[in-house]
Amino acid sequence: MLDSNLPSVPRRDPWNKGRLIGQKRPLKPKDVWSIRVRLQVERRARNLALFNPAIDSKLRGCDLVRLLVDDVSVGGRVRDRATIVQKKTGRPVQFEITEQTRAAIQAWLADSGYGAITYPLRHSEIRKEGASAIRGLLP
């Protein structure tokens, strides 16, 4: 039974209406460089220290945030190569840390003073600024 005297509930649009859904196109080299430059200009050392290994290694996000400082540095010096066990496949993946990435990680470690067993990015910070930081940097 429908009562015509009841107010109708306004219809809301879906939260993703008009947005691209599904797999996104890969970043072009121009996009990568623009993000790197913007992070350098804004002096966001931690984000740059995470963005560079993400691009170099092509790790999944869940593997990237599990990286420990000890995985990429030893004795205050950033390694040339790092190895991490992927969460999805359980297989170890070795990747080279480029000179630019080593410099970014070294600068971040010098500024932060983190010890050898801390995460470069904690999970609470991912929710706050992880995805929004990258979205805000894309042209």
N, C-alpha and C. Protein backbone atom coordinates (compact mmCIF):
# COMPACT_ATOMS: atom_id res chain seq x y z
N MET A 1 0.81 -1.18 0.00
CA MET A 1 0.00 0.00 0.00
C MET A 1 0.86 1.25 0.00
N LEU A 2 0.67 2.08 -0.95
CA LEU A 2 1.40 3.34 -1.02
C LEU A 2 0.51 4.45 -0.52
N ASP A 3 1.07 5.26 0.33
CA ASP A 3 0.33 6.41 0.85
C ASP A 3 0.82 7.65 0.13
N SER A 4 -0.05 8.32 -0.55
CA SER A 4 0.36 9.48 -1.34
C SER A 4 0.69 10.68 -0.45
N ASN A 5 0.38 10.61 0.82
CA ASN A 5 0.65 11.73 1.72
C ASN A 5 2.08 11.70 2.27
N LEU A 6 2.78 10.56 2.12
CA LEU A 6 4.14 10.46 2.63
C LEU A 6 5.10 11.20 1.69
N PRO A 7 6.06 11.90 2.28
CA PRO A 7 7.03 12.58 1.40
C PRO A 7 7.91 11.55 0.70
N SER A 8 8.26 11.83 -0.53
CA SER A 8 9.10 10.90 -1.28
C SER A 8 10.57 11.13 -0.91
N VAL A 9 11.30 10.06 -0.90
CA VAL A 9 12.72 10.14 -0.58
C VAL A 9 13.46 10.58 -1.84
N PRO A 10 14.27 11.64 -1.73
CA PRO A 10 14.98 12.08 -2.94
C PRO A 10 15.99 11.02 -3.38
N ARG A 11 16.09 10.84 -4.68
CA ARG A 11 16.99 9.84 -5.23
C ARG A 11 18.40 10.43 -5.31
N ARG A 12 19.36 9.70 -4.73
CA ARG A 12 20.75 10.16 -4.74
C ARG A 12 21.49 9.51 -5.89
N ASP A 13 22.42 10.26 -6.44
CA ASP A 13 23.28 9.72 -7.50
C ASP A 13 24.31 8.79 -6.87
N PRO A 14 24.74 7.76 -7.59
CA PRO A 14 25.80 6.89 -7.09
C PRO A 14 27.08 7.69 -6.84
N TRP A 15 27.87 7.27 -5.85
CA TRP A 15 29.09 7.99 -5.49
C TRP A 15 30.11 8.02 -6.62
N ASN A 16 30.05 7.04 -7.52
CA ASN A 16 31.04 6.99 -8.59
C ASN A 16 30.47 7.41 -9.95
N LYS A 17 29.37 8.11 -9.95
CA LYS A 17 28.77 8.54 -11.21
C LYS A 17 29.69 9.55 -11.89
N GLY A 18 30.00 9.28 -13.14
CA GLY A 18 30.85 10.17 -13.91
C GLY A 18 32.34 9.93 -13.72
N ARG A 19 32.73 9.02 -12.84
CA ARG A 19 34.14 8.72 -12.62
C ARG A 19 34.55 7.50 -13.43
N LEU A 20 35.83 7.46 -13.74
CA LEU A 20 36.35 6.29 -14.44
C LEU A 20 36.47 5.14 -13.44
N ILE A 21 35.92 4.01 -13.81
CA ILE A 21 36.01 2.85 -12.94
C ILE A 21 36.83 1.79 -13.64
N GLY A 22 37.33 0.85 -12.87
CA GLY A 22 38.13 -0.21 -13.45
C GLY A 22 39.60 0.15 -13.49
N GLN A 23 40.35 -0.57 -14.30
CA GLN A 23 41.78 -0.36 -14.39
C GLN A 23 42.09 0.99 -15.03
N LYS A 24 43.02 1.70 -14.42
CA LYS A 24 43.42 3.00 -14.95
C LYS A 24 44.60 2.83 -15.89
N ARG A 25 44.80 3.80 -16.74
CA ARG A 25 45.92 3.74 -17.67
C ARG A 25 47.22 3.89 -16.88
N PRO A 26 48.30 3.28 -17.34
CA PRO A 26 49.58 3.42 -16.63
C PRO A 26 50.10 4.85 -16.75
N LEU A 27 50.91 5.24 -15.78
CA LEU A 27 51.51 6.56 -15.82
C LEU A 27 52.51 6.65 -16.96
N LYS A 28 52.50 7.75 -17.66
CA LYS A 28 53.48 8.00 -18.72
C LYS A 28 54.74 8.55 -18.06
N PRO A 29 55.89 8.41 -18.71
CA PRO A 29 57.12 8.96 -18.13
C PRO A 29 57.00 10.45 -17.78
N LYS A 30 56.26 11.19 -18.60
CA LYS A 30 56.06 12.62 -18.34
C LYS A 30 55.31 12.81 -17.01
N ASP A 31 54.31 11.97 -16.75
CA ASP A 31 53.56 12.05 -15.50
C ASP A 31 54.44 11.71 -14.30
N VAL A 32 55.28 10.68 -14.46
CA VAL A 32 56.18 10.28 -13.38
C VAL A 32 57.13 11.42 -13.03
N TRP A 33 57.71 12.03 -14.05
CA TRP A 33 58.64 13.12 -13.80
C TRP A 33 57.95 14.32 -13.19
N SER A 34 56.72 14.61 -13.61
CA SER A 34 56.02 15.76 -13.02
C SER A 34 55.69 15.51 -11.55
N ILE A 35 55.36 14.28 -11.19
CA ILE A 35 55.10 13.96 -9.79
C ILE A 35 56.39 14.07 -8.99
N ARG A 36 57.49 13.54 -9.53
CA ARG A 36 58.78 13.63 -8.82
C ARG A 36 59.20 15.07 -8.60
N VAL A 37 59.07 15.90 -9.62
CA VAL A 37 59.47 17.30 -9.50
C VAL A 37 58.61 18.01 -8.47
N ARG A 38 57.31 17.76 -8.52
CA ARG A 38 56.42 18.42 -7.57
C ARG A 38 56.74 18.00 -6.13
N LEU A 39 57.03 16.72 -5.92
CA LEU A 39 57.39 16.27 -4.57
C LEU A 39 58.70 16.90 -4.12
N GLN A 40 59.64 17.07 -5.03
CA GLN A 40 60.90 17.71 -4.67
C GLN A 40 60.70 19.19 -4.34
N VAL A 41 59.92 19.87 -5.15
CA VAL A 41 59.67 21.30 -4.93
C VAL A 41 58.95 21.52 -3.60
N GLU A 42 58.00 20.65 -3.30
CA GLU A 42 57.23 20.79 -2.05
C GLU A 42 57.97 20.21 -0.84
N ARG A 43 59.17 19.68 -1.06
CA ARG A 43 60.01 19.12 0.00
C ARG A 43 59.28 18.04 0.80
N ARG A 44 58.63 17.14 0.08
CA ARG A 44 57.92 16.03 0.71
C ARG A 44 58.80 14.79 0.59
N ALA A 45 59.80 14.73 1.47
CA ALA A 45 60.85 13.72 1.39
C ALA A 45 60.30 12.31 1.56
N ARG A 46 59.38 12.10 2.49
CA ARG A 46 58.86 10.75 2.72
C ARG A 46 58.06 10.27 1.51
N ASN A 47 57.21 11.10 0.97
CA ASN A 47 56.43 10.70 -0.20
C ASN A 47 57.32 10.43 -1.40
N LEU A 48 58.38 11.22 -1.56
CA LEU A 48 59.32 10.99 -2.65
C LEU A 48 60.10 9.69 -2.42
N ALA A 49 60.45 9.42 -1.15
CA ALA A 49 61.18 8.20 -0.83
C ALA A 49 60.32 6.96 -1.03
N LEU A 50 59.03 7.09 -1.05
CA LEU A 50 58.13 5.96 -1.33
C LEU A 50 57.72 5.90 -2.79
N PHE A 51 57.55 7.05 -3.41
CA PHE A 51 57.13 7.07 -4.80
C PHE A 51 58.21 6.49 -5.71
N ASN A 52 59.46 6.87 -5.49
CA ASN A 52 60.55 6.39 -6.34
C ASN A 52 60.69 4.87 -6.31
N PRO A 53 60.73 4.21 -5.14
CA PRO A 53 60.80 2.74 -5.18
C PRO A 53 59.56 2.10 -5.79
N ALA A 54 58.42 2.75 -5.64
CA ALA A 54 57.19 2.20 -6.24
C ALA A 54 57.33 2.15 -7.75
N ILE A 55 57.89 3.19 -8.33
CA ILE A 55 58.06 3.23 -9.78
C ILE A 55 59.19 2.29 -10.20
N ASP A 56 60.30 2.29 -9.46
CA ASP A 56 61.44 1.44 -9.83
C ASP A 56 61.11 -0.04 -9.75
N SER A 57 60.39 -0.44 -8.71
CA SER A 57 60.20 -1.86 -8.45
C SER A 57 58.91 -2.42 -9.03
N LYS A 58 57.94 -1.56 -9.31
CA LYS A 58 56.62 -1.98 -9.77
C LYS A 58 55.94 -2.91 -8.75
N LEU A 59 56.22 -2.66 -7.47
CA LEU A 59 55.58 -3.43 -6.41
C LEU A 59 54.12 -3.04 -6.26
N ARG A 60 53.32 -3.95 -5.77
CA ARG A 60 51.94 -3.62 -5.42
C ARG A 60 51.97 -2.73 -4.19
N GLY A 61 50.90 -1.97 -4.00
CA GLY A 61 50.83 -1.06 -2.86
C GLY A 61 50.98 -1.76 -1.53
N CYS A 62 50.36 -2.96 -1.40
CA CYS A 62 50.44 -3.69 -0.13
C CYS A 62 51.86 -4.14 0.16
N ASP A 63 52.64 -4.40 -0.88
CA ASP A 63 54.04 -4.79 -0.67
C ASP A 63 54.91 -3.57 -0.38
N LEU A 64 54.57 -2.46 -1.01
CA LEU A 64 55.35 -1.25 -0.82
C LEU A 64 55.27 -0.75 0.63
N VAL A 65 54.08 -0.78 1.20
CA VAL A 65 53.95 -0.28 2.58
C VAL A 65 54.52 -1.25 3.60
N ARG A 66 54.81 -2.47 3.19
CA ARG A 66 55.44 -3.42 4.10
C ARG A 66 56.95 -3.32 4.08
N LEU A 67 57.50 -2.50 3.19
CA LEU A 67 58.94 -2.30 3.15
C LEU A 67 59.42 -1.71 4.46
N LEU A 68 60.45 -2.29 5.02
CA LEU A 68 61.08 -1.75 6.21
C LEU A 68 62.29 -0.93 5.81
N VAL A 69 62.66 -0.01 6.68
CA VAL A 69 63.86 0.76 6.43
C VAL A 69 65.05 -0.19 6.28
N ASP A 70 65.04 -1.26 7.05
CA ASP A 70 66.13 -2.24 7.01
C ASP A 70 66.18 -2.97 5.66
N ASP A 71 65.08 -3.02 4.93
CA ASP A 71 65.06 -3.67 3.62
C ASP A 71 65.83 -2.87 2.57
N VAL A 72 65.86 -1.54 2.74
CA VAL A 72 66.49 -0.70 1.73
C VAL A 72 67.80 -0.06 2.19
N SER A 73 68.11 -0.17 3.48
CA SER A 73 69.37 0.42 3.95
C SER A 73 70.03 -0.50 4.96
N VAL A 74 71.35 -0.34 5.07
CA VAL A 74 72.12 -1.09 6.05
C VAL A 74 73.23 -0.17 6.55
N GLY A 75 73.32 -0.05 7.84
CA GLY A 75 74.37 0.78 8.43
C GLY A 75 74.33 2.23 8.01
N GLY A 76 73.14 2.78 7.79
CA GLY A 76 73.02 4.17 7.39
C GLY A 76 73.28 4.42 5.91
N ARG A 77 73.52 3.38 5.14
CA ARG A 77 73.77 3.49 3.71
C ARG A 77 72.66 2.77 2.95
N VAL A 78 72.14 3.39 1.92
CA VAL A 78 71.06 2.79 1.13
C VAL A 78 71.67 1.74 0.20
N ARG A 79 71.02 0.59 0.14
CA ARG A 79 71.52 -0.53 -0.68
C ARG A 79 71.34 -0.26 -2.17
N ASP A 80 72.07 -1.01 -2.98
CA ASP A 80 71.92 -0.94 -4.43
C ASP A 80 70.75 -1.79 -4.92
N ARG A 81 70.48 -2.88 -4.21
CA ARG A 81 69.37 -3.78 -4.55
C ARG A 81 68.61 -4.12 -3.27
N ALA A 82 67.33 -4.40 -3.44
CA ALA A 82 66.51 -4.82 -2.30
C ALA A 82 65.69 -6.03 -2.71
N THR A 83 65.35 -6.84 -1.73
CA THR A 83 64.52 -8.02 -1.97
C THR A 83 63.35 -8.00 -1.01
N ILE A 84 62.19 -8.29 -1.53
CA ILE A 84 60.99 -8.36 -0.69
C ILE A 84 60.16 -9.55 -1.15
N VAL A 85 59.48 -10.20 -0.22
CA VAL A 85 58.59 -11.31 -0.55
C VAL A 85 57.21 -10.74 -0.80
N GLN A 86 56.69 -10.99 -2.00
CA GLN A 86 55.37 -10.46 -2.36
C GLN A 86 54.29 -11.14 -1.52
N LYS A 87 53.34 -10.33 -1.09
CA LYS A 87 52.25 -10.85 -0.26
C LYS A 87 51.32 -11.74 -1.08
N LYS A 88 51.02 -11.36 -2.30
CA LYS A 88 50.07 -12.10 -3.12
C LYS A 88 50.62 -13.44 -3.59
N THR A 89 51.85 -13.44 -4.08
CA THR A 89 52.41 -14.66 -4.66
C THR A 89 53.29 -15.44 -3.70
N GLY A 90 53.83 -14.78 -2.68
CA GLY A 90 54.73 -15.43 -1.74
C GLY A 90 56.13 -15.63 -2.31
N ARG A 91 56.41 -15.05 -3.45
CA ARG A 91 57.71 -15.20 -4.08
C ARG A 91 58.58 -13.97 -3.81
N PRO A 92 59.87 -14.20 -3.63
CA PRO A 92 60.76 -13.05 -3.43
C PRO A 92 60.99 -12.30 -4.74
N VAL A 93 61.01 -11.00 -4.66
CA VAL A 93 61.25 -10.15 -5.82
C VAL A 93 62.44 -9.26 -5.49
N GLN A 94 63.42 -9.27 -6.36
CA GLN A 94 64.58 -8.41 -6.18
C GLN A 94 64.48 -7.27 -7.17
N PHE A 95 64.77 -6.05 -6.70
CA PHE A 95 64.72 -4.90 -7.59
C PHE A 95 65.89 -3.98 -7.30
N GLU A 96 66.31 -3.28 -8.34
CA GLU A 96 67.43 -2.35 -8.21
C GLU A 96 66.91 -1.02 -7.69
N ILE A 97 67.67 -0.41 -6.82
CA ILE A 97 67.34 0.92 -6.31
C ILE A 97 68.22 1.90 -7.08
N THR A 98 67.59 2.74 -7.89
CA THR A 98 68.35 3.67 -8.74
C THR A 98 69.02 4.74 -7.90
N GLU A 99 69.95 5.43 -8.52
CA GLU A 99 70.70 6.48 -7.82
C GLU A 99 69.78 7.57 -7.30
N GLN A 100 68.81 7.96 -8.11
CA GLN A 100 67.86 9.00 -7.71
C GLN A 100 67.04 8.53 -6.50
N THR A 101 66.64 7.27 -6.51
CA THR A 101 65.87 6.72 -5.40
C THR A 101 66.73 6.61 -4.15
N ARG A 102 67.98 6.20 -4.32
CA ARG A 102 68.89 6.13 -3.17
C ARG A 102 69.06 7.50 -2.52
N ALA A 103 69.20 8.53 -3.35
CA ALA A 103 69.36 9.89 -2.82
C ALA A 103 68.11 10.33 -2.07
N ALA A 104 66.93 10.00 -2.60
CA ALA A 104 65.68 10.39 -1.94
C ALA A 104 65.51 9.66 -0.61
N ILE A 105 65.83 8.37 -0.58
CA ILE A 105 65.71 7.60 0.65
C ILE A 105 66.72 8.09 1.68
N GLN A 106 67.94 8.36 1.24
CA GLN A 106 68.98 8.86 2.15
C GLN A 106 68.58 10.20 2.75
N ALA A 107 68.02 11.09 1.94
CA ALA A 107 67.58 12.39 2.44
C ALA A 107 66.45 12.23 3.44
N TRP A 108 65.52 11.33 3.15
CA TRP A 108 64.40 11.11 4.07
C TRP A 108 64.88 10.51 5.38
N LEU A 109 65.79 9.54 5.31
CA LEU A 109 66.32 8.93 6.53
C LEU A 109 67.07 9.94 7.39
N ALA A 110 67.80 10.84 6.74
CA ALA A 110 68.53 11.86 7.48
C ALA A 110 67.58 12.82 8.19
N ASP A 111 66.46 13.16 7.52
CA ASP A 111 65.49 14.08 8.11
C ASP A 111 64.67 13.43 9.22
N SER A 112 64.31 12.16 9.02
CA SER A 112 63.36 11.53 9.93
C SER A 112 64.00 10.94 11.18
N GLY A 113 65.21 10.41 11.05
CA GLY A 113 65.87 9.78 12.19
C GLY A 113 65.25 8.45 12.58
N TYR A 114 64.57 7.78 11.64
CA TYR A 114 63.96 6.48 11.94
C TYR A 114 65.01 5.41 12.16
N GLY A 115 64.67 4.45 12.99
CA GLY A 115 65.56 3.33 13.25
C GLY A 115 65.43 2.27 12.17
N ALA A 116 66.07 1.14 12.40
CA ALA A 116 66.17 0.12 11.38
C ALA A 116 64.93 -0.75 11.27
N ILE A 117 63.97 -0.66 12.17
CA ILE A 117 62.84 -1.58 12.09
C ILE A 117 61.51 -0.85 11.94
N THR A 118 61.50 0.40 11.55
CA THR A 118 60.25 1.13 11.38
C THR A 118 59.82 1.13 9.93
N TYR A 119 58.55 1.31 9.71
CA TYR A 119 58.01 1.38 8.36
C TYR A 119 58.22 2.78 7.79
N PRO A 120 58.53 2.88 6.51
CA PRO A 120 58.60 4.20 5.91
C PRO A 120 57.25 4.92 5.92
N LEU A 121 56.16 4.18 5.82
CA LEU A 121 54.83 4.78 5.83
C LEU A 121 53.92 3.87 6.61
N ARG A 122 53.34 4.40 7.68
CA ARG A 122 52.46 3.59 8.51
C ARG A 122 51.06 3.54 7.89
N HIS A 123 50.32 2.49 8.23
CA HIS A 123 49.00 2.27 7.62
C HIS A 123 48.03 3.40 7.91
N SER A 124 48.09 4.00 9.10
CA SER A 124 47.17 5.10 9.41
C SER A 124 47.42 6.28 8.48
N GLU A 125 48.68 6.51 8.10
CA GLU A 125 48.99 7.62 7.21
C GLU A 125 48.57 7.32 5.78
N ILE A 126 48.52 6.05 5.41
CA ILE A 126 48.09 5.69 4.07
C ILE A 126 46.65 6.13 3.87
N ARG A 127 45.81 5.83 4.84
CA ARG A 127 44.40 6.21 4.71
C ARG A 127 44.24 7.71 4.62
N LYS A 128 45.06 8.46 5.34
CA LYS A 128 44.91 9.91 5.37
C LYS A 128 45.42 10.57 4.10
N GLU A 129 46.59 10.13 3.61
CA GLU A 129 47.17 10.89 2.53
C GLU A 129 47.74 10.08 1.38
N GLY A 130 47.74 8.76 1.47
CA GLY A 130 48.36 7.95 0.43
C GLY A 130 47.76 8.16 -0.94
N ALA A 131 46.51 7.80 -1.11
CA ALA A 131 45.89 7.91 -2.43
C ALA A 131 45.63 9.36 -2.80
N SER A 132 45.24 10.18 -1.83
CA SER A 132 44.94 11.57 -2.14
C SER A 132 46.20 12.33 -2.55
N ALA A 133 47.35 11.92 -2.02
CA ALA A 133 48.59 12.60 -2.40
C ALA A 133 48.89 12.37 -3.87
N ILE A 134 48.74 11.16 -4.34
CA ILE A 134 49.02 10.87 -5.74
C ILE A 134 47.95 11.51 -6.63
N ARG A 135 46.68 11.43 -6.22
CA ARG A 135 45.61 12.04 -7.03
C ARG A 135 45.83 13.54 -7.16
N GLY A 136 46.28 14.18 -6.08
CA GLY A 136 46.49 15.62 -6.11
C GLY A 136 47.69 16.02 -6.93
N LEU A 137 48.58 15.09 -7.21
CA LEU A 137 49.79 15.43 -7.96
C LEU A 137 49.64 15.22 -9.45
N LEU A 138 48.68 14.41 -9.86
CA LEU A 138 48.51 14.16 -11.29
C LEU A 138 48.00 15.40 -11.99
N PRO A 139 48.50 15.67 -13.19
CA PRO A 139 48.06 16.87 -13.93
C PRO A 139 46.63 16.76 -14.39
